[in-house]
Amino acid sequence: MTEPTTLPDRLSSDPSSPYYNEELLTRGVGVRFKGVEKNNVEEYCISEGWVRVSVGKAKDRAGNPMTVKLKGAVEAYLRDPPADD
């Protein structure tokens, strides 16, 4: 099985989203927003320059994390190199 080497322009951690990719999320994706490492990113879009980050432990009425959309420079990268089997 070949691991992807480039990240998509847009990625979401919500399984109901069309931008969800379990394989990439399992492998580990890191996001830098305006040069700062963010660990609470729910979704990002590099070309449009925004991230959606969770706000504390608050949930909406569907049980999903409450999020806020922030605009700025977005850089996504793979955290760990693929393991050779």
Protein backbone atom coordinates (compact mmCIF):
# COMPACT_ATOMS: atom_id res chain seq x y z
CA MET A 1 0.00 0.00 0.00
CA THR A 2 1.37 3.39 -0.99
CA GLU A 3 1.18 6.26 1.48
CA PRO A 4 0.23 9.69 0.11
CA THR A 5 3.15 12.11 0.11
CA THR A 6 1.22 15.33 -0.47
CA LEU A 7 -1.60 16.62 1.66
CA PRO A 8 -4.93 17.73 0.22
CA ASP A 9 -5.77 21.43 0.00
CA ARG A 10 -8.61 20.86 2.45
CA LEU A 11 -8.92 18.27 5.23
CA SER A 12 -11.48 17.72 7.99
CA SER A 13 -11.49 15.53 11.10
CA ASP A 14 -15.30 15.14 10.92
CA PRO A 15 -16.22 11.70 9.47
CA SER A 16 -19.42 13.12 7.91
CA SER A 17 -17.44 15.70 5.91
CA PRO A 18 -16.54 15.08 2.23
CA TYR A 19 -13.02 16.30 3.12
CA TYR A 20 -12.45 13.57 5.73
CA ASN A 21 -9.52 11.19 5.10
CA GLU A 22 -9.07 8.57 7.83
CA GLU A 23 -5.77 7.27 6.43
CA LEU A 24 -4.10 10.69 6.61
CA LEU A 25 -5.53 11.52 10.02
CA THR A 26 -4.34 8.18 11.43
CA ARG A 27 -0.87 8.82 10.08
CA GLY A 28 -0.78 12.27 11.70
CA VAL A 29 -1.22 15.68 10.13
CA GLY A 30 0.25 18.79 11.71
CA VAL A 31 -1.00 22.32 11.04
CA ARG A 32 0.81 25.62 11.48
CA PHE A 33 -1.43 28.68 11.44
CA LYS A 34 0.37 32.02 11.07
CA GLY A 35 3.59 30.18 11.96
CA VAL A 36 2.22 28.73 15.23
CA GLU A 37 1.61 25.00 15.76
CA LYS A 38 -2.09 24.31 16.38
CA ASN A 39 -3.33 21.09 18.00
CA ASN A 40 -7.06 21.87 18.03
CA VAL A 41 -7.69 22.19 14.27
CA GLU A 42 -10.92 20.50 13.15
CA GLU A 43 -10.61 21.51 9.46
CA TYR A 44 -8.28 23.54 7.26
CA CYS A 45 -8.13 24.96 3.74
CA ILE A 46 -4.72 26.04 2.47
CA SER A 47 -5.83 27.81 -0.74
CA GLU A 48 -8.52 29.89 1.01
CA GLY A 49 -6.26 30.53 4.02
CA TRP A 50 -8.38 29.45 6.99
CA VAL A 51 -8.59 26.94 9.80
CA ARG A 52 -11.56 25.88 11.91
CA VAL A 53 -10.47 25.30 15.51
CA SER A 54 -12.42 23.86 18.43
CA VAL A 55 -13.37 26.23 21.23
CA GLY A 56 -12.75 24.61 24.58
CA LYS A 57 -14.92 21.61 25.43
CA ALA A 58 -18.20 23.22 24.30
CA LYS A 59 -20.46 21.14 22.06
CA ASP A 60 -23.24 22.13 19.67
CA ARG A 61 -26.70 20.55 19.92
CA ALA A 62 -25.61 17.70 17.62
CA GLY A 63 -22.73 16.85 19.98
CA ASN A 64 -19.99 18.20 17.68
CA PRO A 65 -17.27 20.50 19.02
CA MET A 66 -18.02 24.22 18.78
CA THR A 67 -15.60 25.80 16.33
CA VAL A 68 -14.44 29.20 15.16
CA LYS A 69 -13.03 29.98 11.71
CA LEU A 70 -9.72 31.89 11.69
CA LYS A 71 -8.19 33.40 8.56
CA GLY A 72 -4.45 33.57 7.85
CA ALA A 73 -1.51 31.62 6.46
CA VAL A 74 -1.99 27.85 6.77
CA GLU A 75 0.75 25.21 6.45
CA ALA A 76 -0.06 21.50 6.73
CA TYR A 77 2.51 18.71 7.00
CA LEU A 78 2.80 15.02 7.87
CA ARG A 79 4.01 14.53 11.43
CA ASP A 80 5.82 11.21 11.02
CA PRO A 81 7.44 9.57 8.01
CA PRO A 82 5.74 6.36 6.85
CA ALA A 83 6.97 3.21 8.56
CA ASP A 84 8.74 0.75 6.26
CA ASP A 85 7.15 -2.67 6.56
